[in-house]
N, C-alpha and C. Protein backbone atom coordinates (compact mmCIF):
# COMPACT_ATOMS: atom_id res chain seq x y z
N MET A 1 0.86 -1.16 -0.02
CA MET A 1 0.02 0.01 0.00
C MET A 1 0.89 1.20 -0.03
N THR A 2 0.54 2.18 -0.90
CA THR A 2 1.32 3.39 -0.94
C THR A 2 0.47 4.65 -0.62
N ASP A 3 -0.87 4.49 -0.62
CA ASP A 3 -1.72 5.60 -0.26
C ASP A 3 -1.70 5.92 1.21
N SER A 4 -1.83 7.19 1.49
CA SER A 4 -1.89 7.63 2.94
C SER A 4 -3.34 7.39 3.41
N PRO A 5 -3.49 7.10 4.72
CA PRO A 5 -4.82 6.96 5.20
C PRO A 5 -5.70 8.20 5.02
N ILE A 6 -6.97 7.96 4.74
CA ILE A 6 -7.90 9.09 4.53
C ILE A 6 -8.93 9.08 5.70
N GLU A 7 -9.09 10.20 6.36
CA GLU A 7 -10.12 10.33 7.34
C GLU A 7 -11.46 10.50 6.75
N ARG A 8 -12.43 9.65 7.18
CA ARG A 8 -13.72 9.66 6.66
C ARG A 8 -14.75 9.79 7.87
N THR A 9 -15.94 10.07 7.58
CA THR A 9 -16.97 10.16 8.60
C THR A 9 -18.20 9.39 8.20
N LEU A 10 -18.99 9.07 9.22
CA LEU A 10 -20.33 8.42 8.99
C LEU A 10 -21.28 9.05 10.02
N ASP A 11 -22.53 9.09 9.66
CA ASP A 11 -23.55 9.64 10.59
C ASP A 11 -24.14 8.47 11.41
N ALA A 12 -24.20 8.68 12.68
CA ALA A 12 -24.80 7.63 13.54
C ALA A 12 -25.70 8.34 14.58
N ARG A 13 -26.76 7.75 14.87
CA ARG A 13 -27.75 8.36 15.82
C ARG A 13 -27.23 8.22 17.25
N VAL A 14 -27.45 9.32 17.98
CA VAL A 14 -27.04 9.34 19.41
C VAL A 14 -28.29 9.49 20.25
N LYS A 15 -28.45 8.61 21.22
CA LYS A 15 -29.60 8.74 22.16
C LYS A 15 -29.17 9.62 23.35
N LEU A 16 -29.94 10.70 23.52
CA LEU A 16 -29.69 11.57 24.63
C LEU A 16 -30.87 11.41 25.66
N TYR A 17 -30.58 11.65 26.93
CA TYR A 17 -31.54 11.45 27.94
C TYR A 17 -31.83 12.73 28.63
N TYR A 18 -33.09 12.89 29.07
CA TYR A 18 -33.48 14.06 29.85
C TYR A 18 -34.54 13.73 30.87
N ASP A 19 -34.58 14.45 31.94
CA ASP A 19 -35.62 14.34 32.94
C ASP A 19 -36.58 15.49 32.74
N LEU A 20 -37.88 15.20 32.98
CA LEU A 20 -38.92 16.15 32.69
C LEU A 20 -39.86 16.28 33.93
N GLN A 21 -40.20 17.48 34.26
CA GLN A 21 -41.25 17.77 35.27
C GLN A 21 -42.29 18.64 34.65
N ARG A 22 -43.43 18.13 34.45
CA ARG A 22 -44.49 18.99 33.83
C ARG A 22 -45.03 19.91 34.92
N ALA A 23 -45.60 21.06 34.39
CA ALA A 23 -46.20 22.03 35.29
C ALA A 23 -47.70 21.90 35.37
N SER A 24 -48.37 21.47 34.32
CA SER A 24 -49.77 21.30 34.29
C SER A 24 -50.17 20.49 33.07
N ASP A 25 -51.45 20.31 32.83
CA ASP A 25 -51.88 19.54 31.66
C ASP A 25 -51.96 20.45 30.43
N ALA A 26 -51.83 21.74 30.60
CA ALA A 26 -51.80 22.67 29.51
C ALA A 26 -50.41 23.09 29.14
N PRO A 27 -50.21 23.56 27.90
CA PRO A 27 -48.81 24.02 27.55
C PRO A 27 -48.33 25.16 28.56
N SER A 28 -47.17 24.94 29.09
CA SER A 28 -46.61 25.86 30.11
C SER A 28 -45.31 26.47 29.65
N PRO A 29 -44.91 27.53 30.29
CA PRO A 29 -43.54 27.98 30.07
C PRO A 29 -42.57 26.87 30.43
N LEU A 30 -41.45 26.80 29.71
CA LEU A 30 -40.45 25.74 29.85
C LEU A 30 -39.10 26.25 30.15
N LEU A 31 -38.42 25.64 31.23
CA LEU A 31 -37.06 25.90 31.51
C LEU A 31 -36.26 24.72 31.15
N VAL A 32 -35.38 24.86 30.19
CA VAL A 32 -34.48 23.82 29.80
C VAL A 32 -33.09 24.02 30.50
N ALA A 33 -32.74 23.16 31.35
CA ALA A 33 -31.53 23.34 32.20
C ALA A 33 -30.43 22.37 31.80
N LEU A 34 -29.26 22.81 31.60
CA LEU A 34 -28.11 21.96 31.18
C LEU A 34 -27.00 22.13 32.19
N HIS A 35 -26.49 20.92 32.62
CA HIS A 35 -25.45 20.85 33.61
C HIS A 35 -24.04 21.16 33.02
N GLY A 36 -23.06 21.29 33.90
CA GLY A 36 -21.69 21.49 33.48
C GLY A 36 -20.94 20.23 33.27
N TYR A 37 -19.65 20.33 33.03
CA TYR A 37 -18.74 19.23 32.76
C TYR A 37 -18.73 18.32 33.98
N GLY A 38 -18.86 17.02 33.74
CA GLY A 38 -18.76 16.03 34.80
C GLY A 38 -19.91 15.77 35.69
N SER A 39 -21.01 16.48 35.35
CA SER A 39 -22.26 16.39 36.15
C SER A 39 -23.25 15.52 35.27
N ASN A 40 -24.49 15.60 35.73
CA ASN A 40 -25.50 14.75 35.04
C ASN A 40 -26.92 15.39 35.19
N LYS A 41 -27.90 14.82 34.54
CA LYS A 41 -29.21 15.41 34.46
C LYS A 41 -29.87 15.38 35.84
N SER A 42 -29.59 14.47 36.71
CA SER A 42 -30.28 14.37 38.01
C SER A 42 -29.85 15.53 38.86
N TRP A 43 -28.55 15.91 38.85
CA TRP A 43 -28.10 17.07 39.61
C TRP A 43 -28.77 18.32 39.08
N MET A 44 -28.78 18.45 37.77
CA MET A 44 -29.31 19.63 37.17
C MET A 44 -30.82 19.78 37.43
N MET A 45 -31.52 18.67 37.41
CA MET A 45 -32.99 18.71 37.74
C MET A 45 -33.17 19.17 39.15
N ARG A 46 -32.44 18.65 40.10
CA ARG A 46 -32.60 19.11 41.50
C ARG A 46 -32.44 20.58 41.58
N GLU A 47 -31.40 21.08 40.97
CA GLU A 47 -31.13 22.55 40.98
C GLU A 47 -32.25 23.31 40.30
N ALA A 48 -32.62 22.90 39.14
CA ALA A 48 -33.62 23.61 38.28
C ALA A 48 -34.92 23.67 38.98
N ARG A 49 -35.34 22.64 39.76
CA ARG A 49 -36.61 22.71 40.48
C ARG A 49 -36.63 23.80 41.50
N HIS A 50 -35.47 24.15 42.07
CA HIS A 50 -35.33 25.31 42.96
C HIS A 50 -35.50 26.65 42.28
N LEU A 51 -35.05 26.63 41.01
CA LEU A 51 -34.96 27.90 40.24
C LEU A 51 -36.28 28.23 39.50
N ALA A 52 -37.03 27.17 39.13
CA ALA A 52 -38.19 27.42 38.34
C ALA A 52 -39.37 27.91 39.11
N PRO A 53 -40.03 29.01 38.72
CA PRO A 53 -41.24 29.46 39.40
C PRO A 53 -42.35 28.49 39.27
N GLU A 54 -43.38 28.62 40.07
CA GLU A 54 -44.56 27.79 39.98
C GLU A 54 -45.21 27.99 38.59
N GLY A 55 -45.61 26.85 38.04
CA GLY A 55 -46.24 26.91 36.74
C GLY A 55 -45.27 26.77 35.53
N VAL A 56 -43.96 26.58 35.86
CA VAL A 56 -42.99 26.43 34.77
C VAL A 56 -42.55 24.97 34.69
N ALA A 57 -42.72 24.35 33.52
CA ALA A 57 -42.16 23.02 33.36
C ALA A 57 -40.61 23.05 33.27
N VAL A 58 -40.00 21.90 33.68
CA VAL A 58 -38.56 21.82 33.70
C VAL A 58 -38.05 20.61 32.92
N ALA A 59 -37.11 20.80 32.05
CA ALA A 59 -36.43 19.66 31.34
C ALA A 59 -34.94 19.77 31.60
N ALA A 60 -34.36 18.71 32.09
CA ALA A 60 -32.91 18.75 32.35
C ALA A 60 -32.26 17.73 31.41
N LEU A 61 -31.52 18.22 30.44
CA LEU A 61 -30.90 17.43 29.35
C LEU A 61 -29.52 17.04 29.74
N GLN A 62 -29.10 15.79 29.47
CA GLN A 62 -27.86 15.24 29.85
C GLN A 62 -26.88 15.35 28.65
N GLY A 63 -25.64 15.63 28.98
CA GLY A 63 -24.60 15.76 27.95
C GLY A 63 -24.39 14.47 27.18
N VAL A 64 -23.73 14.61 26.03
CA VAL A 64 -23.54 13.48 25.13
C VAL A 64 -22.30 12.72 25.41
N HIS A 65 -21.24 13.32 26.00
CA HIS A 65 -19.97 12.64 26.22
C HIS A 65 -19.85 12.08 27.58
N GLN A 66 -19.91 10.77 27.71
CA GLN A 66 -19.93 10.07 28.99
C GLN A 66 -18.46 9.72 29.39
N HIS A 67 -18.17 9.82 30.69
CA HIS A 67 -16.89 9.34 31.21
C HIS A 67 -17.10 8.76 32.56
N LEU A 68 -16.23 7.89 33.01
CA LEU A 68 -16.27 7.30 34.33
C LEU A 68 -15.60 8.21 35.37
N LYS A 69 -16.15 8.25 36.55
CA LYS A 69 -15.53 9.03 37.63
C LYS A 69 -15.20 8.05 38.75
N GLU A 70 -14.06 8.31 39.37
CA GLU A 70 -13.63 7.46 40.55
C GLU A 70 -14.62 7.66 41.67
N PRO A 71 -14.93 6.52 42.44
CA PRO A 71 -15.78 6.64 43.61
C PRO A 71 -15.14 7.50 44.67
N LYS A 72 -15.98 8.20 45.40
CA LYS A 72 -15.47 9.12 46.44
C LYS A 72 -14.96 8.34 47.67
N GLU A 73 -15.53 7.17 47.86
CA GLU A 73 -15.14 6.36 48.99
C GLU A 73 -14.72 4.99 48.52
N LYS A 74 -13.76 4.39 49.29
CA LYS A 74 -13.24 3.05 48.97
C LYS A 74 -14.42 2.07 48.99
N GLY A 75 -14.51 1.23 48.00
CA GLY A 75 -15.60 0.28 47.89
C GLY A 75 -16.83 0.86 47.34
N GLY A 76 -16.89 2.11 47.06
CA GLY A 76 -18.10 2.68 46.51
C GLY A 76 -18.31 2.35 45.07
N GLU A 77 -19.51 2.61 44.56
CA GLU A 77 -19.77 2.27 43.16
C GLU A 77 -19.11 3.30 42.26
N LEU A 78 -18.82 2.82 41.08
CA LEU A 78 -18.30 3.76 40.04
C LEU A 78 -19.37 4.74 39.71
N ARG A 79 -19.00 5.99 39.57
CA ARG A 79 -19.96 7.03 39.23
C ARG A 79 -19.64 7.48 37.83
N TYR A 80 -20.59 8.15 37.19
CA TYR A 80 -20.44 8.63 35.86
C TYR A 80 -20.72 10.10 35.74
N GLY A 81 -20.03 10.72 34.79
CA GLY A 81 -20.24 12.12 34.54
C GLY A 81 -20.38 12.35 33.03
N PHE A 82 -20.87 13.47 32.60
CA PHE A 82 -21.07 13.77 31.24
C PHE A 82 -20.57 15.10 30.88
N GLY A 83 -20.13 15.27 29.64
CA GLY A 83 -19.74 16.59 29.14
C GLY A 83 -20.42 16.90 27.83
N TRP A 84 -20.24 18.13 27.32
CA TRP A 84 -20.91 18.50 26.09
C TRP A 84 -19.92 18.82 24.93
N LEU A 85 -18.67 18.98 25.24
CA LEU A 85 -17.79 19.52 24.22
C LEU A 85 -16.43 18.85 24.32
N THR A 86 -15.80 18.57 23.20
CA THR A 86 -14.42 18.12 23.19
C THR A 86 -13.67 19.00 22.19
N ASN A 87 -12.32 18.94 22.27
CA ASN A 87 -11.52 19.74 21.35
C ASN A 87 -11.19 18.98 20.02
N PHE A 88 -11.76 17.77 19.86
CA PHE A 88 -11.61 17.08 18.60
C PHE A 88 -12.92 17.39 17.80
N HIS A 89 -12.74 18.20 16.71
CA HIS A 89 -13.86 18.62 15.86
C HIS A 89 -14.97 19.17 16.76
N ALA A 90 -14.66 20.21 17.51
CA ALA A 90 -15.59 20.81 18.39
C ALA A 90 -16.92 21.18 17.74
N GLU A 91 -16.84 21.56 16.46
CA GLU A 91 -18.04 21.98 15.76
C GLU A 91 -19.10 20.86 15.71
N ASP A 92 -18.64 19.55 15.78
CA ASP A 92 -19.56 18.46 15.80
C ASP A 92 -20.36 18.42 17.13
N SER A 93 -19.71 18.71 18.18
CA SER A 93 -20.40 18.75 19.49
C SER A 93 -21.36 19.87 19.53
N VAL A 94 -20.95 21.07 18.99
CA VAL A 94 -21.87 22.15 18.94
C VAL A 94 -23.12 21.85 18.13
N ALA A 95 -22.93 21.15 17.04
CA ALA A 95 -24.13 20.79 16.19
C ALA A 95 -25.01 19.87 16.89
N VAL A 96 -24.44 18.87 17.67
CA VAL A 96 -25.26 17.96 18.41
C VAL A 96 -26.11 18.72 19.50
N HIS A 97 -25.44 19.64 20.13
CA HIS A 97 -26.07 20.47 21.20
C HIS A 97 -27.25 21.25 20.62
N HIS A 98 -27.03 21.92 19.43
CA HIS A 98 -28.12 22.69 18.82
C HIS A 98 -29.23 21.73 18.42
N ARG A 99 -28.92 20.64 17.80
CA ARG A 99 -30.02 19.71 17.27
C ARG A 99 -30.80 19.13 18.46
N ALA A 100 -30.12 18.85 19.55
CA ALA A 100 -30.76 18.26 20.69
C ALA A 100 -31.76 19.33 21.31
N LEU A 101 -31.38 20.54 21.44
CA LEU A 101 -32.28 21.61 21.94
C LEU A 101 -33.45 21.81 21.02
N LEU A 102 -33.16 21.92 19.77
CA LEU A 102 -34.34 22.16 18.83
C LEU A 102 -35.28 20.96 18.87
N ASP A 103 -34.78 19.74 18.93
CA ASP A 103 -35.64 18.59 18.93
C ASP A 103 -36.43 18.55 20.24
N LEU A 104 -35.73 18.85 21.36
CA LEU A 104 -36.41 18.82 22.69
C LEU A 104 -37.59 19.81 22.77
N ILE A 105 -37.30 21.03 22.28
CA ILE A 105 -38.30 22.04 22.31
C ILE A 105 -39.47 21.65 21.42
N ASP A 106 -39.18 21.15 20.26
CA ASP A 106 -40.28 20.80 19.30
C ASP A 106 -41.02 19.56 19.86
N GLU A 107 -40.37 18.66 20.46
CA GLU A 107 -41.07 17.45 21.07
C GLU A 107 -42.00 17.88 22.15
N LEU A 108 -41.52 18.64 23.11
CA LEU A 108 -42.34 19.04 24.23
C LEU A 108 -43.50 19.98 23.84
N SER A 109 -43.21 20.84 22.80
CA SER A 109 -44.32 21.73 22.28
C SER A 109 -45.34 20.86 21.61
N GLY A 110 -44.93 19.87 20.83
CA GLY A 110 -45.88 19.05 20.07
C GLY A 110 -46.71 18.22 21.02
N GLU A 111 -46.16 17.82 22.16
CA GLU A 111 -46.90 16.99 23.15
C GLU A 111 -47.80 17.86 24.08
N GLY A 112 -47.71 19.19 23.86
CA GLY A 112 -48.57 20.04 24.72
C GLY A 112 -48.03 20.32 26.10
N VAL A 113 -46.79 19.97 26.28
CA VAL A 113 -46.09 20.25 27.58
C VAL A 113 -45.63 21.61 27.71
N ALA A 114 -45.06 22.19 26.61
CA ALA A 114 -44.41 23.46 26.61
C ALA A 114 -45.09 24.49 25.66
N ASP A 115 -45.08 25.68 26.10
CA ASP A 115 -45.49 26.79 25.18
C ASP A 115 -44.26 27.25 24.43
N PRO A 116 -44.20 27.02 23.11
CA PRO A 116 -42.95 27.36 22.38
C PRO A 116 -42.63 28.83 22.41
N ALA A 117 -43.53 29.72 22.73
CA ALA A 117 -43.28 31.15 22.85
C ALA A 117 -42.64 31.54 24.19
N ARG A 118 -42.58 30.60 25.15
CA ARG A 118 -42.08 30.94 26.49
C ARG A 118 -41.12 29.87 26.93
N VAL A 119 -40.02 29.71 26.14
CA VAL A 119 -38.93 28.75 26.47
C VAL A 119 -37.77 29.52 27.01
N PHE A 120 -37.18 29.01 28.17
CA PHE A 120 -36.03 29.67 28.74
C PHE A 120 -34.91 28.56 28.81
N LEU A 121 -33.68 29.03 28.62
CA LEU A 121 -32.52 28.11 28.56
C LEU A 121 -31.53 28.50 29.61
N LEU A 122 -31.12 27.56 30.42
CA LEU A 122 -30.14 27.79 31.52
C LEU A 122 -28.99 26.89 31.40
N GLY A 123 -27.77 27.39 31.60
CA GLY A 123 -26.60 26.63 31.56
C GLY A 123 -25.63 26.95 32.69
N PHE A 124 -24.98 25.94 33.20
CA PHE A 124 -24.00 26.15 34.22
C PHE A 124 -22.64 25.73 33.74
N SER A 125 -21.58 26.56 33.90
CA SER A 125 -20.22 26.24 33.58
C SER A 125 -20.10 26.01 32.07
N GLN A 126 -19.74 24.75 31.71
CA GLN A 126 -19.41 24.46 30.28
C GLN A 126 -20.52 24.75 29.33
N THR A 127 -21.78 24.64 29.78
CA THR A 127 -22.88 24.84 28.88
C THR A 127 -23.35 26.30 28.72
N CYS A 128 -22.69 27.16 29.47
CA CYS A 128 -23.00 28.62 29.38
C CYS A 128 -22.68 29.15 27.98
N ALA A 129 -21.50 28.97 27.53
CA ALA A 129 -21.07 29.40 26.20
C ALA A 129 -21.78 28.66 25.09
N LEU A 130 -22.03 27.33 25.24
CA LEU A 130 -22.79 26.62 24.32
C LEU A 130 -24.16 27.12 24.17
N ASN A 131 -24.81 27.46 25.29
CA ASN A 131 -26.15 28.04 25.22
C ASN A 131 -26.24 29.36 24.58
N TYR A 132 -25.22 30.17 24.81
CA TYR A 132 -25.14 31.51 24.09
C TYR A 132 -25.00 31.27 22.63
N ARG A 133 -24.22 30.27 22.18
CA ARG A 133 -24.16 29.98 20.74
C ARG A 133 -25.57 29.66 20.20
N PHE A 134 -26.31 28.83 20.98
CA PHE A 134 -27.66 28.48 20.50
C PHE A 134 -28.57 29.69 20.51
N ALA A 135 -28.58 30.46 21.56
CA ALA A 135 -29.50 31.52 21.72
C ALA A 135 -29.32 32.64 20.65
N PHE A 136 -28.10 32.86 20.24
CA PHE A 136 -27.85 33.94 19.25
C PHE A 136 -27.76 33.39 17.82
N THR A 137 -27.78 32.07 17.67
CA THR A 137 -27.86 31.47 16.30
C THR A 137 -29.34 31.27 15.94
N HIS A 138 -30.11 30.75 16.91
CA HIS A 138 -31.57 30.52 16.73
C HIS A 138 -32.34 31.57 17.51
N ALA A 139 -32.22 32.79 17.01
CA ALA A 139 -32.61 33.98 17.76
C ALA A 139 -34.04 34.07 18.12
N GLY A 140 -34.93 33.39 17.40
CA GLY A 140 -36.32 33.48 17.69
C GLY A 140 -36.92 32.36 18.49
N ARG A 141 -36.06 31.41 19.06
CA ARG A 141 -36.58 30.27 19.68
C ARG A 141 -36.75 30.42 21.23
N LEU A 142 -36.11 31.44 21.84
CA LEU A 142 -36.09 31.53 23.28
C LEU A 142 -36.72 32.83 23.77
N ARG A 143 -37.29 32.85 24.94
CA ARG A 143 -37.74 34.02 25.63
C ARG A 143 -36.64 34.57 26.51
N GLY A 144 -35.76 33.71 27.01
CA GLY A 144 -34.67 34.09 27.80
C GLY A 144 -33.55 33.11 27.96
N VAL A 145 -32.37 33.49 28.35
CA VAL A 145 -31.30 32.60 28.56
C VAL A 145 -30.50 33.03 29.79
N VAL A 146 -30.14 32.12 30.64
CA VAL A 146 -29.40 32.31 31.89
C VAL A 146 -28.06 31.62 31.78
N GLY A 147 -26.97 32.29 32.04
CA GLY A 147 -25.65 31.72 32.15
C GLY A 147 -25.08 31.85 33.54
N ILE A 148 -24.59 30.79 34.09
CA ILE A 148 -24.10 30.78 35.45
C ILE A 148 -22.65 30.24 35.49
N CYS A 149 -21.75 31.06 35.99
CA CYS A 149 -20.35 30.68 36.19
C CYS A 149 -19.74 30.05 34.89
N GLY A 150 -19.97 30.70 33.78
CA GLY A 150 -19.51 30.16 32.56
C GLY A 150 -18.89 31.25 31.69
N GLY A 151 -18.59 30.92 30.39
CA GLY A 151 -17.92 31.80 29.51
C GLY A 151 -18.73 32.23 28.28
N MET A 152 -18.06 32.95 27.42
CA MET A 152 -18.65 33.39 26.15
C MET A 152 -18.12 32.47 25.03
N PRO A 153 -18.83 32.41 23.91
CA PRO A 153 -18.31 31.64 22.78
C PRO A 153 -16.94 32.19 22.31
N GLY A 154 -16.07 31.29 22.01
CA GLY A 154 -14.72 31.70 21.55
C GLY A 154 -14.79 32.46 20.22
N ASP A 155 -15.79 32.29 19.44
CA ASP A 155 -15.93 32.96 18.11
C ASP A 155 -16.95 34.06 18.15
N TRP A 156 -17.18 34.59 19.34
CA TRP A 156 -18.23 35.67 19.51
C TRP A 156 -18.05 36.83 18.62
N GLU A 157 -16.77 37.21 18.40
CA GLU A 157 -16.41 38.38 17.62
C GLU A 157 -16.49 38.10 16.11
N THR A 158 -16.27 36.84 15.76
CA THR A 158 -16.14 36.54 14.35
C THR A 158 -17.19 35.70 13.73
N GLY A 159 -18.05 35.06 14.60
CA GLY A 159 -19.07 34.18 14.08
C GLY A 159 -20.19 34.86 13.34
N ALA A 160 -20.26 34.60 12.02
CA ALA A 160 -21.25 35.21 11.21
C ALA A 160 -22.67 34.71 11.49
N GLN A 161 -22.78 33.60 12.22
CA GLN A 161 -24.05 32.92 12.43
C GLN A 161 -24.79 33.68 13.61
N TYR A 162 -24.13 34.50 14.37
CA TYR A 162 -24.77 35.08 15.55
C TYR A 162 -25.65 36.27 15.13
N GLN A 163 -26.88 36.32 15.64
CA GLN A 163 -27.86 37.35 15.26
C GLN A 163 -28.22 38.14 16.49
N ASN A 164 -28.89 39.28 16.28
CA ASN A 164 -29.52 40.02 17.42
C ASN A 164 -30.69 39.22 17.85
N THR A 165 -31.04 39.31 19.12
CA THR A 165 -32.18 38.55 19.66
C THR A 165 -33.03 39.44 20.61
N GLU A 166 -34.32 39.17 20.69
CA GLU A 166 -35.15 39.79 21.65
C GLU A 166 -35.22 39.03 22.99
N ALA A 167 -34.56 37.90 23.05
CA ALA A 167 -34.47 37.10 24.29
C ALA A 167 -33.76 37.91 25.39
N ALA A 168 -34.25 37.84 26.59
CA ALA A 168 -33.55 38.45 27.73
C ALA A 168 -32.36 37.54 28.16
N VAL A 169 -31.36 38.26 28.69
CA VAL A 169 -30.10 37.48 29.10
C VAL A 169 -29.78 37.82 30.53
N LEU A 170 -29.50 36.84 31.34
CA LEU A 170 -29.05 36.99 32.69
C LEU A 170 -27.76 36.22 32.86
N HIS A 171 -26.68 36.85 33.31
CA HIS A 171 -25.41 36.19 33.46
C HIS A 171 -24.93 36.37 34.90
N LEU A 172 -24.74 35.28 35.63
CA LEU A 172 -24.26 35.35 36.99
C LEU A 172 -22.86 34.84 37.13
N ALA A 173 -22.04 35.59 37.89
CA ALA A 173 -20.61 35.24 38.06
C ALA A 173 -20.23 35.22 39.54
N GLY A 174 -19.28 34.43 39.85
CA GLY A 174 -18.77 34.36 41.23
C GLY A 174 -17.45 35.13 41.36
N ALA A 175 -17.31 35.99 42.33
CA ALA A 175 -16.13 36.83 42.55
C ALA A 175 -14.94 35.97 42.88
N ARG A 176 -15.15 34.72 43.38
CA ARG A 176 -14.09 33.83 43.76
C ARG A 176 -14.00 32.59 42.82
N ASP A 177 -14.60 32.74 41.66
CA ASP A 177 -14.61 31.67 40.68
C ASP A 177 -13.22 31.44 40.10
N GLU A 178 -12.65 30.28 40.33
CA GLU A 178 -11.30 30.05 39.90
C GLU A 178 -11.14 29.84 38.39
N PHE A 179 -12.28 29.50 37.72
CA PHE A 179 -12.29 29.25 36.30
C PHE A 179 -12.67 30.53 35.52
N TYR A 180 -13.56 31.28 36.07
CA TYR A 180 -14.04 32.53 35.40
C TYR A 180 -13.95 33.66 36.44
N PRO A 181 -12.76 34.12 36.69
CA PRO A 181 -12.53 35.14 37.75
C PRO A 181 -12.98 36.52 37.20
N PRO A 182 -13.12 37.53 38.06
CA PRO A 182 -13.65 38.79 37.67
C PRO A 182 -12.97 39.42 36.45
N ALA A 183 -11.66 39.26 36.35
CA ALA A 183 -10.94 39.90 35.25
C ALA A 183 -11.42 39.26 33.86
N ARG A 184 -11.78 38.03 33.89
CA ARG A 184 -12.15 37.30 32.68
C ARG A 184 -13.56 37.71 32.25
N VAL A 185 -14.45 37.92 33.19
CA VAL A 185 -15.83 38.21 32.91
C VAL A 185 -16.22 39.66 32.91
N ALA A 186 -15.27 40.55 33.12
CA ALA A 186 -15.58 41.94 33.35
C ALA A 186 -16.33 42.63 32.21
N ASP A 187 -16.06 42.21 30.96
CA ASP A 187 -16.72 42.84 29.84
C ASP A 187 -17.85 41.97 29.25
N TYR A 188 -18.36 40.97 29.99
CA TYR A 188 -19.41 40.11 29.45
C TYR A 188 -20.67 40.88 29.23
N ALA A 189 -21.05 41.79 30.07
CA ALA A 189 -22.27 42.54 29.88
C ALA A 189 -22.22 43.31 28.59
N ALA A 190 -21.10 43.94 28.37
CA ALA A 190 -20.92 44.78 27.11
C ALA A 190 -20.95 43.85 25.87
N GLN A 191 -20.31 42.70 26.00
CA GLN A 191 -20.29 41.80 24.82
C GLN A 191 -21.73 41.28 24.51
N LEU A 192 -22.43 40.89 25.54
CA LEU A 192 -23.78 40.36 25.35
C LEU A 192 -24.76 41.49 24.80
N SER A 193 -24.52 42.70 25.28
CA SER A 193 -25.38 43.80 24.91
C SER A 193 -25.19 44.22 23.44
N ARG A 194 -24.19 43.73 22.80
CA ARG A 194 -24.04 43.96 21.33
C ARG A 194 -25.14 43.32 20.54
N ARG A 195 -25.70 42.20 21.12
CA ARG A 195 -26.72 41.47 20.30
C ARG A 195 -28.03 41.21 21.01
N ALA A 196 -28.09 41.75 22.30
CA ALA A 196 -29.39 41.63 22.98
C ALA A 196 -29.63 42.95 23.73
N ARG A 197 -30.86 43.34 23.83
CA ARG A 197 -31.23 44.58 24.48
C ARG A 197 -31.44 44.48 25.95
N ASP A 198 -31.92 43.35 26.33
CA ASP A 198 -32.22 43.08 27.81
C ASP A 198 -31.16 42.19 28.41
N VAL A 199 -30.18 42.78 28.99
CA VAL A 199 -29.03 42.10 29.55
C VAL A 199 -28.73 42.49 30.96
N GLU A 200 -28.68 41.52 31.89
CA GLU A 200 -28.28 41.76 33.29
C GLU A 200 -27.08 40.91 33.62
N PHE A 201 -26.12 41.58 34.23
CA PHE A 201 -24.92 40.86 34.78
C PHE A 201 -24.83 41.10 36.27
N ARG A 202 -24.72 40.03 37.01
CA ARG A 202 -24.60 40.06 38.44
C ARG A 202 -23.41 39.28 38.98
N SER A 203 -22.81 39.88 40.02
CA SER A 203 -21.63 39.15 40.61
C SER A 203 -21.96 38.85 42.07
N TYR A 204 -21.40 37.70 42.49
CA TYR A 204 -21.73 37.22 43.92
C TYR A 204 -20.47 36.86 44.61
N ASP A 205 -20.53 36.89 45.89
CA ASP A 205 -19.45 36.36 46.74
C ASP A 205 -19.52 34.84 46.72
N ALA A 206 -19.00 34.32 45.63
CA ALA A 206 -19.16 32.83 45.37
C ALA A 206 -18.00 32.31 44.56
N ALA A 207 -17.77 31.06 44.68
CA ALA A 207 -16.75 30.34 43.86
C ALA A 207 -17.42 29.79 42.63
N HIS A 208 -17.01 28.68 42.07
CA HIS A 208 -17.58 28.06 40.90
C HIS A 208 -18.77 27.19 41.41
N GLU A 209 -19.85 27.80 41.68
CA GLU A 209 -21.00 27.13 42.35
C GLU A 209 -22.29 27.91 42.18
N LEU A 210 -23.41 27.24 42.53
CA LEU A 210 -24.71 27.86 42.63
C LEU A 210 -25.00 28.12 44.06
N THR A 211 -25.19 29.42 44.45
CA THR A 211 -25.43 29.75 45.86
C THR A 211 -26.87 30.06 46.09
N PRO A 212 -27.35 30.09 47.32
CA PRO A 212 -28.74 30.48 47.59
C PRO A 212 -29.16 31.83 47.03
N ALA A 213 -28.25 32.79 47.06
CA ALA A 213 -28.52 34.09 46.49
C ALA A 213 -28.72 34.07 45.06
N MET A 214 -27.89 33.22 44.34
CA MET A 214 -28.06 33.09 42.89
C MET A 214 -29.40 32.41 42.61
N ARG A 215 -29.77 31.39 43.35
CA ARG A 215 -31.06 30.69 43.12
C ARG A 215 -32.22 31.64 43.24
N ASP A 216 -32.20 32.48 44.29
CA ASP A 216 -33.27 33.41 44.53
C ASP A 216 -33.37 34.40 43.38
N ASP A 217 -32.23 34.88 42.87
CA ASP A 217 -32.25 35.90 41.82
C ASP A 217 -32.68 35.30 40.49
N VAL A 218 -32.27 34.11 40.23
CA VAL A 218 -32.74 33.46 38.88
C VAL A 218 -34.24 33.23 39.00
N ARG A 219 -34.73 32.77 40.13
CA ARG A 219 -36.17 32.54 40.16
C ARG A 219 -36.91 33.82 40.03
N ALA A 220 -36.53 34.89 40.66
CA ALA A 220 -37.19 36.17 40.52
C ALA A 220 -37.14 36.73 39.10
N TRP A 221 -35.95 36.53 38.43
CA TRP A 221 -35.79 36.98 37.08
C TRP A 221 -36.74 36.17 36.12
N LEU A 222 -36.81 34.94 36.32
CA LEU A 222 -37.72 34.08 35.47
C LEU A 222 -39.20 34.49 35.72
N GLU A 223 -39.56 34.69 37.00
CA GLU A 223 -40.91 35.11 37.32
C GLU A 223 -41.26 36.40 36.57
N SER A 224 -40.36 37.32 36.48
CA SER A 224 -40.59 38.62 35.87
C SER A 224 -40.68 38.55 34.36
N ARG A 225 -40.22 37.53 33.77
CA ARG A 225 -40.17 37.43 32.34
C ARG A 225 -41.05 36.34 31.74
N VAL A 226 -41.62 35.48 32.56
CA VAL A 226 -42.47 34.44 32.09
C VAL A 226 -43.73 35.08 31.35
N GLU A 227 -44.28 36.13 31.90
CA GLU A 227 -45.47 36.71 31.34
C GLU A 227 -45.10 37.99 30.54
N GLY A 228 -43.80 38.45 30.65
CA GLY A 228 -43.48 39.74 30.05
C GLY A 228 -43.29 39.64 28.54
């Protein structure tokens, strides 16, 4: 053989899992909540139920990239975690994330669970930038987007796919966040305001975490915009 190997691709279906809590028998506002790297849908559902106002349905979608985690105690069961993005053809992970959200919103709207005009998207850590990619690419699909302890898309300045949106944006940051310290997030409000009119940026005495003050503020913010 003299030919060099050629990289090829094939399309394969990926099964994604999510937890759902309905709000009523009628179409309701929907909060789609996505966990960060190494977490799972169960953790995100527990958090999202504290964040969602009464009358809002919650869907917690689990990441596509599974990995094993060492047990915390000797003799404990192996635990698993999930992520959303890798640095090998990252655009493929972004495409899966977008497709999953579009299909989830369409499925729950078609089943009468969600009101498609009142969909909110929340992301913690790794999913923050991914959700901003979705929100500003599919500008008409969301009523609001919440980012917690996360970053901005790396191609925010150059991505031609990003559009202006009427969706409201809330970004929460921790002053002691080791991954997204104040110096890194200082201009996030200005960056987001380039493409969204309703932007709020709030900082907390917190590390890379969700605190009670953050939970209270997200819930109040959602309440103010569910009917707005």
